[in-house]
N, C-alpha and C. Protein backbone atom coordinates (compact mmCIF):
# COMPACT_ATOMS: atom_id res chain seq x y z
N MET A 1 53.65 67.73 -2.62
CA MET A 1 53.36 66.35 -2.28
C MET A 1 51.89 66.00 -2.50
N ILE A 2 51.16 66.85 -3.17
CA ILE A 2 49.75 66.58 -3.46
C ILE A 2 49.61 65.29 -4.25
N ILE A 3 50.59 64.98 -5.08
CA ILE A 3 50.55 63.74 -5.87
C ILE A 3 50.57 62.52 -4.96
N VAL A 4 51.36 62.56 -3.88
CA VAL A 4 51.41 61.43 -2.94
C VAL A 4 50.05 61.24 -2.28
N GLN A 5 49.43 62.33 -1.89
CA GLN A 5 48.09 62.24 -1.27
C GLN A 5 47.09 61.61 -2.25
N LYS A 6 47.15 61.99 -3.50
CA LYS A 6 46.25 61.43 -4.52
C LYS A 6 46.51 59.93 -4.71
N ILE A 7 47.78 59.53 -4.67
CA ILE A 7 48.11 58.11 -4.81
C ILE A 7 47.59 57.33 -3.61
N VAL A 8 47.75 57.86 -2.40
CA VAL A 8 47.24 57.21 -1.19
C VAL A 8 45.73 57.02 -1.31
N GLU A 9 45.02 58.04 -1.73
CA GLU A 9 43.56 57.96 -1.89
C GLU A 9 43.17 56.94 -2.96
N PHE A 10 43.91 56.92 -4.07
CA PHE A 10 43.65 55.97 -5.15
C PHE A 10 43.84 54.53 -4.66
N LEU A 11 44.95 54.27 -3.98
CA LEU A 11 45.22 52.91 -3.49
C LEU A 11 44.16 52.44 -2.50
N LYS A 12 43.77 53.34 -1.60
CA LYS A 12 42.73 52.99 -0.62
C LYS A 12 41.42 52.66 -1.33
N ARG A 13 41.03 53.49 -2.30
CA ARG A 13 39.79 53.28 -3.03
C ARG A 13 39.83 51.94 -3.78
N LYS A 14 40.94 51.64 -4.42
CA LYS A 14 41.05 50.39 -5.17
C LYS A 14 41.01 49.17 -4.25
N ARG A 15 41.64 49.27 -3.09
CA ARG A 15 41.56 48.16 -2.11
C ARG A 15 40.12 47.93 -1.69
N LEU A 16 39.43 49.01 -1.35
CA LEU A 16 38.03 48.89 -0.91
C LEU A 16 37.15 48.32 -2.02
N GLU A 17 37.36 48.75 -3.24
CA GLU A 17 36.58 48.22 -4.37
C GLU A 17 36.81 46.73 -4.55
N GLU A 18 38.06 46.30 -4.46
CA GLU A 18 38.38 44.88 -4.62
C GLU A 18 37.74 44.05 -3.51
N VAL A 19 37.84 44.52 -2.29
CA VAL A 19 37.25 43.81 -1.15
C VAL A 19 35.73 43.79 -1.27
N ASN A 20 35.16 44.93 -1.62
CA ASN A 20 33.71 45.09 -1.69
C ASN A 20 33.05 44.06 -2.62
N LYS A 21 33.74 43.66 -3.68
CA LYS A 21 33.21 42.68 -4.62
C LYS A 21 32.92 41.33 -3.95
N ASN A 22 33.59 41.07 -2.83
CA ASN A 22 33.53 39.75 -2.20
C ASN A 22 32.73 39.72 -0.90
N ILE A 23 32.21 40.85 -0.47
CA ILE A 23 31.48 40.92 0.80
C ILE A 23 30.03 40.50 0.59
N LYS A 24 29.57 39.62 1.48
CA LYS A 24 28.18 39.19 1.48
C LYS A 24 27.67 39.24 2.93
N GLY A 25 26.45 39.74 3.12
CA GLY A 25 25.81 39.71 4.43
C GLY A 25 26.40 40.69 5.42
N ARG A 26 26.24 40.36 6.69
CA ARG A 26 26.69 41.23 7.79
C ARG A 26 28.21 41.23 7.87
N LEU A 27 28.78 42.42 8.04
CA LEU A 27 30.23 42.62 7.95
C LEU A 27 30.83 43.07 9.28
N LEU A 28 31.99 42.52 9.61
CA LEU A 28 32.86 43.04 10.66
C LEU A 28 34.18 43.40 10.00
N ASP A 29 34.56 44.67 10.09
CA ASP A 29 35.84 45.12 9.53
C ASP A 29 36.80 45.34 10.68
N ILE A 30 37.74 44.41 10.84
CA ILE A 30 38.73 44.47 11.92
C ILE A 30 39.88 45.37 11.46
N ALA A 31 40.34 46.24 12.37
CA ALA A 31 41.37 47.22 12.06
C ALA A 31 40.85 48.15 10.96
N CYS A 32 39.67 48.69 11.20
CA CYS A 32 38.92 49.43 10.18
C CYS A 32 39.48 50.80 9.86
N GLY A 33 40.43 51.31 10.64
CA GLY A 33 40.96 52.65 10.36
C GLY A 33 39.86 53.68 10.48
N ASP A 34 39.65 54.46 9.43
CA ASP A 34 38.63 55.51 9.48
C ASP A 34 37.21 54.98 9.22
N ASN A 35 37.09 53.66 9.07
CA ASN A 35 35.79 52.98 8.97
C ASN A 35 35.05 53.28 7.65
N THR A 36 35.76 53.59 6.61
CA THR A 36 35.14 53.90 5.32
C THR A 36 34.35 52.72 4.76
N LEU A 37 34.88 51.51 4.88
CA LEU A 37 34.20 50.35 4.30
C LEU A 37 32.78 50.20 4.84
N VAL A 38 32.63 50.32 6.15
CA VAL A 38 31.30 50.18 6.75
C VAL A 38 30.45 51.42 6.48
N LYS A 39 31.00 52.58 6.73
CA LYS A 39 30.21 53.81 6.63
C LYS A 39 29.76 54.11 5.20
N LYS A 40 30.60 53.79 4.22
CA LYS A 40 30.29 54.14 2.83
C LYS A 40 29.61 52.99 2.07
N TYR A 41 30.03 51.75 2.34
CA TYR A 41 29.57 50.64 1.51
C TYR A 41 28.65 49.64 2.20
N HIS A 42 28.77 49.46 3.49
CA HIS A 42 28.05 48.37 4.18
C HIS A 42 27.48 48.84 5.51
N LYS A 43 26.28 49.39 5.44
CA LYS A 43 25.64 49.91 6.65
C LYS A 43 25.34 48.79 7.64
N ASP A 44 25.16 47.55 7.16
CA ASP A 44 24.92 46.41 8.05
C ASP A 44 26.27 45.83 8.44
N GLY A 45 27.02 46.62 9.18
CA GLY A 45 28.34 46.18 9.57
C GLY A 45 28.85 46.96 10.76
N ILE A 46 29.98 46.48 11.26
CA ILE A 46 30.65 47.12 12.40
C ILE A 46 32.11 47.30 12.03
N GLY A 47 32.60 48.51 12.23
CA GLY A 47 34.02 48.80 12.07
C GLY A 47 34.69 48.78 13.43
N LEU A 48 35.70 47.94 13.58
CA LEU A 48 36.38 47.72 14.86
C LEU A 48 37.84 48.11 14.74
N ASP A 49 38.38 48.75 15.76
CA ASP A 49 39.80 49.10 15.76
C ASP A 49 40.26 49.29 17.20
N VAL A 50 41.57 49.33 17.39
CA VAL A 50 42.15 49.63 18.71
C VAL A 50 42.37 51.12 18.89
N PHE A 51 42.12 51.88 17.82
CA PHE A 51 42.30 53.33 17.85
C PHE A 51 41.07 53.96 17.21
N ASN A 52 40.55 55.01 17.80
CA ASN A 52 39.32 55.63 17.30
C ASN A 52 39.64 56.76 16.32
N TYR A 53 39.95 56.38 15.08
CA TYR A 53 40.27 57.36 14.04
C TYR A 53 39.09 58.31 13.83
N PHE A 54 39.32 59.59 13.99
CA PHE A 54 38.33 60.63 13.70
C PHE A 54 37.00 60.39 14.43
N ASN A 55 37.03 59.68 15.57
CA ASN A 55 35.81 59.34 16.31
C ASN A 55 34.78 58.67 15.40
N ASN A 56 35.25 57.83 14.49
CA ASN A 56 34.39 57.24 13.47
C ASN A 56 34.31 55.72 13.57
N VAL A 57 34.98 55.14 14.56
CA VAL A 57 35.01 53.69 14.72
C VAL A 57 33.80 53.25 15.54
N ASP A 58 33.14 52.18 15.10
CA ASP A 58 31.94 51.71 15.79
C ASP A 58 32.26 51.03 17.12
N LEU A 59 33.34 50.25 17.15
CA LEU A 59 33.70 49.51 18.35
C LEU A 59 35.22 49.59 18.55
N VAL A 60 35.63 50.22 19.65
CA VAL A 60 37.05 50.32 19.98
C VAL A 60 37.36 49.26 21.03
N VAL A 61 38.39 48.46 20.78
CA VAL A 61 38.80 47.40 21.70
C VAL A 61 40.27 47.57 22.04
N LYS A 62 40.68 46.97 23.14
CA LYS A 62 42.10 47.00 23.51
C LYS A 62 42.89 45.96 22.74
N ASN A 63 42.21 44.87 22.36
CA ASN A 63 42.89 43.74 21.76
C ASN A 63 41.93 43.09 20.76
N SER A 64 42.32 43.03 19.50
CA SER A 64 41.44 42.43 18.49
C SER A 64 41.40 40.91 18.56
N GLY A 65 42.10 40.34 19.52
CA GLY A 65 42.00 38.91 19.79
C GLY A 65 40.95 38.60 20.84
N GLU A 66 40.33 39.64 21.38
CA GLU A 66 39.26 39.49 22.38
C GLU A 66 38.16 40.50 22.04
N ILE A 67 37.23 40.08 21.21
CA ILE A 67 36.19 40.98 20.71
C ILE A 67 34.87 40.65 21.41
N PRO A 68 34.27 41.62 22.09
CA PRO A 68 33.06 41.37 22.88
C PRO A 68 31.78 41.32 22.04
N LEU A 69 31.73 40.37 21.12
CA LEU A 69 30.55 40.17 20.28
C LEU A 69 30.17 38.69 20.30
N GLU A 70 28.93 38.40 19.93
CA GLU A 70 28.41 37.03 19.99
C GLU A 70 29.03 36.13 18.93
N ASN A 71 29.13 34.85 19.28
CA ASN A 71 29.58 33.83 18.33
C ASN A 71 28.73 33.85 17.08
N GLU A 72 29.35 33.54 15.96
CA GLU A 72 28.68 33.36 14.68
C GLU A 72 27.69 34.48 14.37
N SER A 73 28.15 35.72 14.44
CA SER A 73 27.27 36.86 14.21
C SER A 73 27.59 37.65 12.93
N PHE A 74 28.53 37.14 12.11
CA PHE A 74 28.90 37.85 10.88
C PHE A 74 29.04 36.87 9.73
N ASP A 75 28.73 37.36 8.53
CA ASP A 75 28.88 36.56 7.31
C ASP A 75 30.24 36.80 6.65
N THR A 76 30.77 38.00 6.83
CA THR A 76 32.06 38.38 6.25
C THR A 76 32.85 39.17 7.29
N ILE A 77 34.13 38.86 7.38
CA ILE A 77 35.06 39.64 8.20
C ILE A 77 36.19 40.09 7.29
N THR A 78 36.55 41.36 7.41
CA THR A 78 37.64 41.90 6.60
C THR A 78 38.76 42.43 7.49
N ILE A 79 39.98 42.30 6.99
CA ILE A 79 41.16 42.92 7.57
C ILE A 79 41.93 43.48 6.39
N ILE A 80 41.77 44.77 6.16
CA ILE A 80 42.28 45.38 4.94
C ILE A 80 43.63 46.06 5.19
N ALA A 81 44.68 45.50 4.58
CA ALA A 81 46.03 46.06 4.68
C ALA A 81 46.41 46.35 6.12
N ALA A 82 46.05 45.44 7.04
CA ALA A 82 46.27 45.73 8.46
C ALA A 82 46.75 44.55 9.29
N LEU A 83 46.70 43.33 8.78
CA LEU A 83 47.09 42.18 9.60
C LEU A 83 48.52 42.35 10.12
N ASN A 84 49.36 42.97 9.33
CA ASN A 84 50.76 43.22 9.71
C ASN A 84 50.89 44.22 10.86
N HIS A 85 49.82 44.94 11.16
CA HIS A 85 49.83 45.91 12.26
C HIS A 85 49.28 45.31 13.56
N ILE A 86 48.89 44.04 13.53
CA ILE A 86 48.31 43.36 14.69
C ILE A 86 49.38 42.43 15.26
N PRO A 87 49.98 42.80 16.42
CA PRO A 87 51.08 42.00 16.95
C PRO A 87 50.73 40.52 17.18
N LYS A 88 49.58 40.23 17.75
CA LYS A 88 49.16 38.84 18.01
C LYS A 88 48.09 38.47 16.98
N TYR A 89 48.49 38.48 15.73
CA TYR A 89 47.53 38.31 14.64
C TYR A 89 46.86 36.94 14.63
N LYS A 90 47.53 35.90 15.12
CA LYS A 90 46.90 34.58 15.14
C LYS A 90 45.73 34.55 16.12
N GLU A 91 45.84 35.28 17.22
CA GLU A 91 44.71 35.40 18.15
C GLU A 91 43.53 36.09 17.46
N THR A 92 43.81 37.10 16.68
CA THR A 92 42.76 37.82 15.95
C THR A 92 42.12 36.90 14.92
N LEU A 93 42.91 36.11 14.21
CA LEU A 93 42.35 35.17 13.24
C LEU A 93 41.49 34.12 13.92
N THR A 94 41.93 33.64 15.07
CA THR A 94 41.14 32.67 15.83
C THR A 94 39.82 33.29 16.27
N GLU A 95 39.88 34.52 16.75
CA GLU A 95 38.68 35.23 17.18
C GLU A 95 37.74 35.46 16.00
N SER A 96 38.30 35.77 14.84
CA SER A 96 37.46 35.99 13.66
C SER A 96 36.69 34.72 13.29
N LEU A 97 37.33 33.59 13.45
CA LEU A 97 36.68 32.31 13.16
C LEU A 97 35.48 32.10 14.10
N ARG A 98 35.62 32.46 15.36
CA ARG A 98 34.54 32.34 16.33
C ARG A 98 33.36 33.24 15.94
N LEU A 99 33.65 34.40 15.41
CA LEU A 99 32.62 35.39 15.09
C LEU A 99 31.90 35.13 13.76
N LEU A 100 32.51 34.34 12.89
CA LEU A 100 31.91 34.07 11.57
C LEU A 100 30.83 33.00 11.65
N ASN A 101 29.76 33.21 10.88
CA ASN A 101 28.75 32.17 10.69
C ASN A 101 29.38 31.03 9.92
N ASN A 102 28.80 29.83 10.05
CA ASN A 102 29.26 28.71 9.23
C ASN A 102 29.13 29.08 7.77
N GLY A 103 30.16 28.82 7.00
CA GLY A 103 30.18 29.19 5.59
C GLY A 103 30.60 30.63 5.35
N GLY A 104 30.85 31.38 6.43
CA GLY A 104 31.28 32.77 6.29
C GLY A 104 32.71 32.86 5.76
N LYS A 105 33.09 34.07 5.35
CA LYS A 105 34.41 34.28 4.75
C LYS A 105 35.17 35.38 5.47
N ILE A 106 36.48 35.19 5.51
CA ILE A 106 37.38 36.26 5.91
C ILE A 106 38.09 36.75 4.66
N ILE A 107 38.23 38.05 4.56
CA ILE A 107 38.91 38.67 3.42
C ILE A 107 40.04 39.53 3.98
N ILE A 108 41.25 39.25 3.54
CA ILE A 108 42.43 39.99 3.99
C ILE A 108 43.14 40.55 2.76
N THR A 109 43.57 41.79 2.84
CA THR A 109 44.45 42.30 1.78
C THR A 109 45.83 42.58 2.39
N MET A 110 46.84 42.41 1.54
CA MET A 110 48.21 42.66 1.99
C MET A 110 49.06 43.07 0.81
N PRO A 111 49.67 44.25 0.90
CA PRO A 111 50.61 44.66 -0.15
C PRO A 111 51.84 43.75 -0.15
N ILE A 112 52.50 43.66 -1.29
CA ILE A 112 53.74 42.87 -1.33
C ILE A 112 54.81 43.60 -0.51
N GLY A 113 55.75 42.84 0.01
CA GLY A 113 56.68 43.35 1.00
C GLY A 113 57.69 44.40 0.61
N TRP A 114 58.48 44.16 -0.41
CA TRP A 114 59.65 45.02 -0.64
C TRP A 114 59.32 46.48 -0.87
N PRO A 115 58.25 46.84 -1.60
CA PRO A 115 58.02 48.28 -1.78
C PRO A 115 57.29 48.93 -0.60
N GLN A 116 56.75 48.10 0.30
CA GLN A 116 55.88 48.65 1.32
C GLN A 116 56.61 49.55 2.32
N LYS A 117 57.80 49.16 2.74
CA LYS A 117 58.55 49.99 3.69
C LYS A 117 58.91 51.33 3.05
N ILE A 118 59.33 51.29 1.81
CA ILE A 118 59.66 52.52 1.09
C ILE A 118 58.41 53.40 0.97
N TRP A 119 57.28 52.77 0.60
CA TRP A 119 56.05 53.54 0.44
C TRP A 119 55.61 54.18 1.76
N HIS A 120 55.73 53.45 2.88
CA HIS A 120 55.37 54.02 4.18
C HIS A 120 56.19 55.28 4.46
N LYS A 121 57.44 55.27 4.08
CA LYS A 121 58.29 56.45 4.31
C LYS A 121 57.86 57.62 3.41
N ILE A 122 57.58 57.33 2.15
CA ILE A 122 57.17 58.39 1.22
C ILE A 122 55.80 58.97 1.61
N ALA A 123 54.87 58.08 1.98
CA ALA A 123 53.48 58.49 2.22
C ALA A 123 53.21 58.85 3.68
N HIS A 124 54.23 58.91 4.50
CA HIS A 124 54.06 59.11 5.94
C HIS A 124 53.05 60.20 6.30
N ASP A 125 53.16 61.35 5.72
CA ASP A 125 52.30 62.49 6.09
C ASP A 125 50.86 62.36 5.60
N TYR A 126 50.58 61.35 4.77
CA TYR A 126 49.24 61.18 4.21
C TYR A 126 48.60 59.86 4.60
N ASP A 127 49.24 59.09 5.45
CA ASP A 127 48.77 57.78 5.88
C ASP A 127 48.18 57.91 7.28
N ASP A 128 46.86 57.71 7.41
CA ASP A 128 46.19 57.85 8.70
C ASP A 128 46.87 57.05 9.80
N ASP A 129 47.28 55.83 9.46
CA ASP A 129 47.92 54.97 10.45
C ASP A 129 49.14 55.65 11.06
N GLN A 130 49.94 56.26 10.24
CA GLN A 130 51.17 56.86 10.72
C GLN A 130 50.94 58.24 11.33
N VAL A 131 50.03 59.01 10.76
CA VAL A 131 49.80 60.37 11.24
C VAL A 131 49.06 60.38 12.58
N TYR A 132 47.99 59.60 12.69
CA TYR A 132 47.13 59.68 13.87
C TYR A 132 47.46 58.66 14.95
N ARG A 133 47.94 57.49 14.58
CA ARG A 133 48.21 56.44 15.56
C ARG A 133 49.70 56.21 15.76
N GLY A 134 50.43 56.31 14.68
CA GLY A 134 51.85 55.96 14.74
C GLY A 134 52.03 54.47 14.51
N ILE A 135 53.21 54.08 14.16
CA ILE A 135 53.53 52.67 13.94
C ILE A 135 54.60 52.28 14.94
N ASN A 136 54.33 51.24 15.71
CA ASN A 136 55.28 50.72 16.68
C ASN A 136 56.12 49.67 15.96
N GLU A 137 57.31 50.05 15.55
CA GLU A 137 58.15 49.15 14.75
C GLU A 137 58.63 47.92 15.52
N ASP A 138 58.50 47.93 16.86
CA ASP A 138 58.86 46.75 17.64
C ASP A 138 57.78 45.67 17.57
N GLU A 139 56.53 46.08 17.31
CA GLU A 139 55.42 45.12 17.31
C GLU A 139 54.73 44.96 15.96
N GLU A 140 54.98 45.86 15.03
CA GLU A 140 54.29 45.84 13.74
C GLU A 140 55.29 45.67 12.62
N ARG A 141 54.77 45.25 11.48
CA ARG A 141 55.62 45.08 10.31
C ARG A 141 55.04 45.91 9.17
N TYR A 142 55.85 46.18 8.19
CA TYR A 142 55.40 46.93 7.04
C TYR A 142 54.58 46.07 6.08
N SER A 143 54.79 44.78 6.12
CA SER A 143 54.04 43.85 5.29
C SER A 143 54.22 42.46 5.88
N MET A 144 53.50 41.48 5.33
CA MET A 144 53.65 40.08 5.73
C MET A 144 53.67 39.22 4.48
N PRO A 145 54.47 38.18 4.48
CA PRO A 145 54.45 37.26 3.34
C PRO A 145 53.08 36.58 3.22
N ILE A 146 52.59 36.45 2.02
CA ILE A 146 51.30 35.83 1.77
C ILE A 146 51.31 34.38 2.27
N LYS A 147 52.42 33.71 2.09
CA LYS A 147 52.54 32.32 2.55
C LYS A 147 52.31 32.24 4.07
N GLU A 148 52.84 33.18 4.81
CA GLU A 148 52.66 33.20 6.27
C GLU A 148 51.18 33.41 6.64
N ILE A 149 50.51 34.28 5.91
CA ILE A 149 49.09 34.53 6.18
C ILE A 149 48.27 33.27 5.89
N LYS A 150 48.54 32.64 4.76
CA LYS A 150 47.81 31.42 4.41
C LYS A 150 48.04 30.31 5.43
N GLU A 151 49.29 30.16 5.87
CA GLU A 151 49.59 29.13 6.88
C GLU A 151 48.88 29.42 8.19
N ALA A 152 48.83 30.69 8.60
CA ALA A 152 48.15 31.06 9.85
C ALA A 152 46.65 30.81 9.74
N LEU A 153 46.05 31.15 8.59
CA LEU A 153 44.63 30.89 8.39
C LEU A 153 44.33 29.39 8.50
N LYS A 154 45.15 28.58 7.86
CA LYS A 154 44.97 27.13 7.91
C LYS A 154 45.15 26.62 9.34
N GLU A 155 46.16 27.11 10.01
CA GLU A 155 46.46 26.68 11.39
C GLU A 155 45.28 26.93 12.35
N VAL A 156 44.60 28.04 12.20
CA VAL A 156 43.50 28.35 13.13
C VAL A 156 42.18 27.71 12.70
N GLY A 157 42.12 27.12 11.48
CA GLY A 157 40.93 26.38 11.10
C GLY A 157 40.19 26.83 9.86
N TYR A 158 40.73 27.80 9.12
CA TYR A 158 40.08 28.22 7.89
C TYR A 158 40.37 27.21 6.78
N LYS A 159 39.51 27.18 5.77
CA LYS A 159 39.67 26.26 4.64
C LYS A 159 39.41 27.01 3.34
N ASN A 160 39.63 26.32 2.22
CA ASN A 160 39.43 26.90 0.88
C ASN A 160 40.09 28.27 0.76
N ILE A 161 41.34 28.33 1.10
CA ILE A 161 42.09 29.59 1.10
C ILE A 161 42.56 29.89 -0.32
N LYS A 162 42.16 31.07 -0.81
CA LYS A 162 42.53 31.48 -2.16
C LYS A 162 43.17 32.86 -2.13
N THR A 163 44.12 33.06 -3.03
CA THR A 163 44.77 34.37 -3.13
C THR A 163 44.70 34.86 -4.57
N LYS A 164 44.71 36.18 -4.69
CA LYS A 164 44.71 36.78 -6.03
C LYS A 164 45.41 38.14 -5.95
N PRO A 165 46.37 38.37 -6.83
CA PRO A 165 46.99 39.69 -6.86
C PRO A 165 46.04 40.71 -7.51
N PHE A 166 46.18 41.96 -7.12
CA PHE A 166 45.45 43.06 -7.76
C PHE A 166 46.29 44.32 -7.64
N LEU A 167 45.81 45.42 -8.16
CA LEU A 167 46.55 46.68 -8.20
C LEU A 167 47.94 46.50 -8.82
N PHE A 168 47.93 46.01 -10.05
CA PHE A 168 49.17 45.82 -10.81
C PHE A 168 50.12 44.83 -10.14
N GLY A 169 49.58 43.91 -9.33
CA GLY A 169 50.39 42.92 -8.64
C GLY A 169 51.06 43.44 -7.38
N LEU A 170 50.77 44.67 -6.99
CA LEU A 170 51.39 45.23 -5.79
C LEU A 170 50.62 44.90 -4.51
N ASN A 171 49.45 44.30 -4.64
CA ASN A 171 48.62 43.96 -3.51
C ASN A 171 48.03 42.58 -3.74
N ASN A 172 47.61 41.94 -2.66
CA ASN A 172 47.00 40.62 -2.75
C ASN A 172 45.73 40.59 -1.92
N ILE A 173 44.75 39.83 -2.39
CA ILE A 173 43.55 39.58 -1.61
C ILE A 173 43.56 38.10 -1.27
N ILE A 174 43.33 37.79 -0.01
CA ILE A 174 43.28 36.41 0.48
C ILE A 174 41.88 36.20 1.01
N ILE A 175 41.19 35.18 0.52
CA ILE A 175 39.84 34.87 0.96
C ILE A 175 39.83 33.42 1.45
N ALA A 176 39.27 33.22 2.66
CA ALA A 176 39.18 31.89 3.22
C ALA A 176 37.79 31.70 3.83
N GLU A 177 37.37 30.45 3.96
CA GLU A 177 36.05 30.12 4.48
C GLU A 177 36.15 29.43 5.84
N LYS A 178 35.11 29.64 6.62
CA LYS A 178 35.02 28.94 7.92
C LYS A 178 34.59 27.52 7.65
């Protein structure tokens, strides 16, 4: 299964590269996992999660809809392949809007739905989320429709919402402005 591990690493690297192209200024990475985006690419940032992967998360919270940071303190907020793992995701999006500076951007990535459940099963032993935290299938989903994400962003107050497929069309990046 070494090939599966290599594919997992490749997909993660490509997601981070795509997101990294769009980050400007101070960064908050919500649901940061092992915090690679901040630790490797953006030292002027904070990686936040509800689980402390490898003791590498900068800020551990119980609920990403209640983040103990000052208003308008970030230029970019990212949620990379993780919005579907946040049960009350609209609260998190609302909170992200509070934390962004005027003109700041949120960047979300989301794989397309149908292959994602199959991929989670194949990659189970190599996916940090599943190995170290587990997935609560009652509260989390394997993916989310892009239309639902765009509607939620608009509902909480984001504007200029744009989407673009990447990784051979198997993933999407959604960027919106405060």
